[in-house]
Amino acid sequence: MRRDRSVLSGLSHGALVIWSITVILPILWTFLSSFKTNTEIFGDPLALPGAIRFDSWGRAWETAHVGRYLLNSVLVVGLGTAGTMVLGAMAAYVLARFRFPGNRLIYLMFVSGMVFPVFLALVPLFFVVKNVGLLDTHTGLILVYIAYSLPFTVFFIAAFFRTLPTEVAEAALMDGASDTRTFFQVMVPMAKPGLISITIFNVIGQWNQYLLPIVLLSGSVEDKWVITQGIANISTSAGYQADWPGLFAALSMTIIPVVVVYVVFQRQIQAGLTAGALK
């Protein structure tokens, strides 16, 4: 039995090492390539850069307008994630802690949104957003981001709220607290690990979204593009005069914020994912 466990442990650790290499090496190669020249990239792509050059980062920031696209992404993702968490947490709390006719049906409708591919809804979404006058606006994209992220948010947080003790909420209600006050001042602090985890997942998912911005923010409003549109434009508009170091620098600028967010909140994410199982 011990031998079987050691073999299984060795295989799992080997799989984790292989997975880590496949994730880390492309990111590291992208970052190092941003300091190279086109000749170095195509001459020996695996070699280290001959010198540390930051000119490609300057070209990406100013000429390719990556700075503007980053600010647009921060605005859209920040407001989209905030709206998702507020609405998702309130909906999940009601569905998890209250019993009323249609409770299960509403929950299943939220969950069913997780299995609906977003590309199947692109055409209806385009006309809905256009008809309400929000096409080519950040407001329309933010609202779609919120709707797109709600199913998984409700599913995750509802499961977390079910693990929290009911005695604390009942004591708050007996002390005269309203349901709203009990939710914001009692239940939300208790659910903090789960809320932080799903917030990070929403930030990463919305930050990397490409299909929705490309449909809802057309090419005629380039100043409103988010970072994924900007990166795609850099790679497609250069033609045969591609600035590969500038492209890799832009990609590095896109990757760094996500990596920083995950590293900073790594412990909270792990705590949120395991808290439900430990309670």
Protein backbone atom coordinates (compact mmCIF):
# COMPACT_ATOMS: atom_id res chain seq x y z
CA MET A 1 0.00 0.00 0.00
CA ARG A 2 2.80 2.41 0.91
CA ARG A 3 4.60 1.55 -2.31
CA ASP A 4 1.46 2.28 -4.34
CA ARG A 5 1.07 5.61 -2.59
CA SER A 6 4.69 6.56 -3.24
CA VAL A 7 4.34 5.66 -6.92
CA LEU A 8 1.13 7.68 -7.18
CA SER A 9 2.75 10.60 -5.36
CA GLY A 10 5.74 10.47 -7.69
CA LEU A 11 3.51 10.46 -10.76
CA SER A 12 1.44 13.38 -9.48
CA HIS A 13 4.56 15.40 -8.68
CA GLY A 14 5.98 14.60 -12.11
CA ALA A 15 2.76 15.74 -13.77
CA LEU A 16 2.86 19.00 -11.76
CA VAL A 17 6.48 19.61 -12.81
CA ILE A 18 5.61 19.08 -16.49
CA TRP A 19 2.56 21.33 -16.20
CA SER A 20 4.62 24.05 -14.48
CA ILE A 21 7.24 23.93 -17.22
CA THR A 22 4.63 24.22 -19.98
CA VAL A 23 3.17 27.30 -18.25
CA ILE A 24 6.31 29.09 -17.05
CA LEU A 25 8.58 28.63 -20.08
CA PRO A 26 6.30 30.39 -22.63
CA ILE A 27 5.82 33.33 -20.24
CA LEU A 28 9.56 33.55 -19.59
CA TRP A 29 10.34 33.30 -23.32
CA THR A 30 7.84 36.06 -24.11
CA PHE A 31 9.38 38.33 -21.47
CA LEU A 32 12.97 37.72 -22.66
CA SER A 33 12.01 38.15 -26.33
CA SER A 34 10.75 41.66 -25.55
CA PHE A 35 14.40 42.68 -24.95
CA LYS A 36 15.69 41.20 -28.20
CA THR A 37 15.83 42.46 -31.77
CA ASN A 38 14.04 40.83 -34.70
CA THR A 39 17.35 39.31 -35.78
CA GLU A 40 17.95 37.73 -32.38
CA ILE A 41 14.41 36.37 -32.18
CA PHE A 42 14.59 34.62 -35.55
CA GLY A 43 18.30 33.76 -35.33
CA ASP A 44 18.23 31.83 -32.05
CA PRO A 45 14.87 32.19 -30.30
CA LEU A 46 16.01 30.22 -27.23
CA ALA A 47 19.13 32.30 -26.58
CA LEU A 48 19.30 35.09 -24.03
CA PRO A 49 19.11 38.67 -25.35
CA GLY A 50 22.49 40.17 -26.24
CA ALA A 51 21.65 43.28 -24.20
CA ILE A 52 18.78 44.59 -22.11
CA ARG A 53 16.90 46.98 -24.41
CA PHE A 54 13.81 48.83 -23.24
CA ASP A 55 13.13 50.61 -26.52
CA SER A 56 10.60 47.95 -27.55
CA TRP A 57 8.66 48.62 -24.33
CA GLY A 58 8.59 52.33 -25.16
CA ARG A 59 7.37 51.65 -28.70
CA ALA A 60 4.63 49.37 -27.40
CA TRP A 61 3.51 51.91 -24.79
CA GLU A 62 3.49 55.00 -27.01
CA THR A 63 3.36 53.98 -30.69
CA ALA A 64 1.06 50.97 -30.23
CA HIS A 65 -1.00 52.79 -27.55
CA VAL A 66 -0.75 49.87 -25.12
CA GLY A 67 -0.98 52.31 -22.22
CA ARG A 68 -4.39 53.51 -23.36
CA TYR A 69 -5.62 49.96 -23.86
CA LEU A 70 -4.40 48.98 -20.39
CA LEU A 71 -6.27 51.87 -18.79
CA ASN A 72 -9.42 50.93 -20.69
CA SER A 73 -9.08 47.32 -19.51
CA VAL A 74 -8.56 48.41 -15.90
CA LEU A 75 -11.71 50.55 -16.09
CA VAL A 76 -13.88 47.90 -17.74
CA VAL A 77 -12.63 44.95 -15.68
CA GLY A 78 -12.72 46.91 -12.42
CA LEU A 79 -16.31 48.03 -12.82
CA GLY A 80 -17.37 44.71 -14.36
CA THR A 81 -15.90 42.69 -11.51
CA ALA A 82 -17.37 45.04 -8.87
CA GLY A 83 -20.84 44.77 -10.40
CA THR A 84 -20.51 41.01 -10.75
CA MET A 85 -19.50 40.53 -7.12
CA VAL A 86 -22.20 42.80 -5.66
CA LEU A 87 -25.05 41.31 -7.69
CA GLY A 88 -23.67 37.76 -7.58
CA ALA A 89 -23.12 37.76 -3.81
CA MET A 90 -26.61 39.10 -3.09
CA ALA A 91 -28.26 36.63 -5.46
CA ALA A 92 -26.21 33.72 -4.11
CA TYR A 93 -27.04 34.64 -0.51
CA VAL A 94 -30.78 34.72 -1.17
CA LEU A 95 -30.72 31.46 -3.12
CA ALA A 96 -28.57 29.72 -0.51
CA ARG A 97 -30.22 30.90 2.73
CA PHE A 98 -33.89 31.54 1.90
CA ARG A 99 -36.61 29.14 0.83
CA PHE A 100 -39.35 30.38 -1.51
CA PRO A 101 -41.28 29.07 -4.53
CA GLY A 102 -39.04 28.97 -7.59
CA ASN A 103 -35.80 29.06 -5.59
CA ARG A 104 -34.42 25.91 -7.16
CA LEU A 105 -35.55 26.90 -10.65
CA ILE A 106 -33.83 30.29 -10.45
CA TYR A 107 -30.65 28.65 -9.18
CA LEU A 108 -30.67 26.12 -12.01
CA MET A 109 -31.19 28.91 -14.53
CA PHE A 110 -28.09 30.65 -13.20
CA VAL A 111 -26.10 27.42 -13.32
CA SER A 112 -27.26 26.63 -16.85
CA GLY A 113 -25.53 29.81 -18.00
CA MET A 114 -22.18 28.13 -17.24
CA VAL A 115 -22.68 25.53 -19.99
CA PHE A 116 -23.86 28.00 -22.64
CA PRO A 117 -20.95 28.89 -24.98
CA VAL A 118 -20.54 32.64 -25.22
CA PHE A 119 -19.92 32.59 -28.97
CA LEU A 120 -23.45 31.27 -29.54
CA ALA A 121 -24.83 34.45 -27.98
CA LEU A 122 -22.65 36.94 -29.85
CA VAL A 123 -25.21 37.86 -32.53
CA PRO A 124 -28.16 38.31 -30.10
CA LEU A 125 -25.89 40.22 -27.70
CA PHE A 126 -24.79 42.54 -30.49
CA PHE A 127 -28.36 43.49 -31.42
CA VAL A 128 -29.52 43.78 -27.79
CA VAL A 129 -26.66 46.13 -26.92
CA LYS A 130 -27.19 48.06 -30.16
CA ASN A 131 -30.93 48.45 -29.56
CA VAL A 132 -30.39 49.95 -26.11
CA GLY A 133 -27.85 52.41 -27.52
CA LEU A 134 -24.79 51.02 -25.74
CA LEU A 135 -22.88 49.61 -28.71
CA ASP A 136 -19.26 50.81 -28.91
CA THR A 137 -19.37 51.98 -25.30
CA HIS A 138 -17.60 50.76 -22.19
CA THR A 139 -20.93 50.74 -20.36
CA GLY A 140 -22.38 48.14 -22.74
CA LEU A 141 -19.27 45.97 -22.43
CA ILE A 142 -19.30 46.22 -18.63
CA LEU A 143 -22.96 45.14 -18.44
CA VAL A 144 -22.27 42.17 -20.72
CA TYR A 145 -19.23 41.22 -18.62
CA ILE A 146 -21.43 41.24 -15.52
CA ALA A 147 -24.08 39.06 -17.16
CA TYR A 148 -21.41 36.73 -18.56
CA SER A 149 -19.71 36.27 -15.16
CA LEU A 150 -22.81 35.93 -12.96
CA PRO A 151 -23.55 32.20 -13.49
CA PHE A 152 -20.24 30.91 -12.14
CA THR A 153 -20.17 33.59 -9.45
CA VAL A 154 -23.61 32.62 -8.13
CA PHE A 155 -22.79 28.91 -8.35
CA PHE A 156 -19.53 29.29 -6.42
CA ILE A 157 -20.67 31.75 -3.73
CA ALA A 158 -24.03 30.00 -3.13
CA ALA A 159 -22.15 26.81 -2.33
CA PHE A 160 -19.91 28.77 0.03
CA PHE A 161 -22.79 30.52 1.80
CA ARG A 162 -24.39 27.12 2.49
CA THR A 163 -21.34 26.11 4.54
CA LEU A 164 -21.58 29.11 6.86
CA PRO A 165 -23.26 28.60 10.25
CA THR A 166 -26.84 29.82 10.43
CA GLU A 167 -26.63 30.56 14.17
CA VAL A 168 -24.69 33.81 13.63
CA ALA A 169 -27.24 35.18 11.14
CA GLU A 170 -30.12 34.15 13.40
CA ALA A 171 -28.48 35.90 16.36
CA ALA A 172 -28.08 39.09 14.31
CA LEU A 173 -31.74 38.98 13.28
CA MET A 174 -32.80 38.46 16.91
CA ASP A 175 -30.78 41.53 17.87
CA GLY A 176 -32.86 43.59 15.47
CA ALA A 177 -30.61 43.63 12.41
CA SER A 178 -32.39 43.69 9.06
CA ASP A 179 -31.68 41.11 6.37
CA THR A 180 -29.66 43.70 4.45
CA ARG A 181 -27.55 44.61 7.47
CA THR A 182 -27.07 40.95 8.36
CA PHE A 183 -25.85 40.25 4.85
CA PHE A 184 -23.36 43.10 4.57
CA GLN A 185 -22.09 43.25 8.17
CA VAL A 186 -22.23 39.60 9.21
CA MET A 187 -22.36 37.17 6.29
CA VAL A 188 -20.08 38.99 3.84
CA PRO A 189 -17.15 39.18 6.32
CA MET A 190 -17.61 35.49 7.10
CA ALA A 191 -17.56 34.66 3.38
CA LYS A 192 -14.49 36.81 2.69
CA PRO A 193 -12.19 33.93 1.58
CA GLY A 194 -14.68 32.71 -1.00
CA LEU A 195 -15.47 36.22 -2.20
CA ILE A 196 -11.78 37.01 -2.72
CA SER A 197 -11.25 33.79 -4.66
CA ILE A 198 -14.12 34.33 -7.07
CA THR A 199 -13.13 37.99 -7.46
CA ILE A 200 -9.68 36.96 -8.69
CA PHE A 201 -11.18 34.41 -11.08
CA ASN A 202 -13.52 37.08 -12.47
CA VAL A 203 -10.69 39.57 -12.88
CA ILE A 204 -8.58 37.06 -14.81
CA GLY A 205 -11.50 35.87 -16.93
CA GLN A 206 -12.65 39.37 -17.87
CA TRP A 207 -9.11 40.63 -18.42
CA ASN A 208 -8.42 37.86 -20.96
CA GLN A 209 -11.78 38.17 -22.73
CA TYR A 210 -11.45 38.77 -26.47
CA LEU A 211 -14.65 37.71 -28.24
CA LEU A 212 -16.99 40.09 -26.41
CA PRO A 213 -14.86 43.25 -26.88
CA ILE A 214 -14.21 42.49 -30.55
CA VAL A 215 -17.98 42.29 -31.16
CA LEU A 216 -19.19 45.11 -28.91
CA LEU A 217 -16.33 47.57 -29.51
CA SER A 218 -15.85 47.89 -33.26
CA GLY A 219 -12.77 49.12 -35.09
CA SER A 220 -14.24 52.60 -35.49
CA VAL A 221 -13.68 53.38 -31.79
CA GLU A 222 -10.03 52.43 -31.40
CA ASP A 223 -9.58 54.77 -28.44
CA LYS A 224 -12.02 52.59 -26.47
CA TRP A 225 -10.36 49.24 -27.20
CA VAL A 226 -9.31 46.99 -24.33
CA ILE A 227 -5.91 45.33 -24.13
CA THR A 228 -6.83 42.11 -25.96
CA GLN A 229 -8.02 44.09 -28.98
CA GLY A 230 -4.89 46.23 -28.90
CA ILE A 231 -2.58 43.20 -28.84
CA ALA A 232 -4.46 41.57 -31.73
CA ASN A 233 -4.25 44.82 -33.71
CA ILE A 234 -0.48 45.02 -33.21
CA SER A 235 0.03 41.51 -34.58
CA THR A 236 -2.29 41.88 -37.59
CA SER A 237 -1.73 45.47 -38.76
CA ALA A 238 2.06 45.37 -39.02
CA GLY A 239 2.09 43.11 -42.09
CA TYR A 240 5.59 42.20 -43.23
CA GLN A 241 7.15 44.93 -41.08
CA ALA A 242 6.18 43.24 -37.82
CA ASP A 243 7.81 44.65 -34.70
CA TRP A 244 8.16 41.38 -32.83
CA PRO A 245 10.03 42.81 -29.81
CA GLY A 246 7.29 45.45 -29.48
CA LEU A 247 4.62 42.76 -29.70
CA PHE A 248 6.32 40.67 -27.01
CA ALA A 249 6.70 43.78 -24.85
CA ALA A 250 2.96 44.47 -25.20
CA LEU A 251 2.21 40.86 -24.31
CA SER A 252 4.46 41.15 -21.24
CA MET A 253 2.58 44.28 -20.14
CA THR A 254 -0.63 42.29 -20.42
CA ILE A 255 0.67 39.29 -18.49
CA ILE A 256 2.41 41.12 -15.64
CA PRO A 257 -0.72 42.62 -13.98
CA VAL A 258 -2.46 39.24 -13.91
CA VAL A 259 0.60 37.49 -12.48
CA VAL A 260 1.01 40.19 -9.82
CA VAL A 261 -2.65 39.92 -8.79
CA TYR A 262 -2.40 36.14 -8.48
CA VAL A 263 0.88 36.21 -6.54
CA VAL A 264 -0.40 38.86 -4.10
CA PHE A 265 -3.69 37.04 -3.44
CA GLN A 266 -2.42 33.46 -3.76
CA ARG A 267 -3.04 32.57 -0.11
CA GLN A 268 -6.54 34.05 -0.15
CA ILE A 269 -7.40 32.09 -3.29
CA GLN A 270 -6.21 28.82 -1.75
CA ALA A 271 -8.04 29.60 1.49
CA GLY A 272 -11.25 30.33 -0.38
CA LEU A 273 -11.07 27.12 -2.40
CA THR A 274 -10.45 24.96 0.69
CA ALA A 275 -12.59 26.78 3.29
CA GLY A 276 -15.82 25.17 2.13
CA ALA A 277 -14.33 21.72 2.49
CA LEU A 278 -12.91 22.44 5.96
CA LYS A 279 -16.10 23.86 7.49
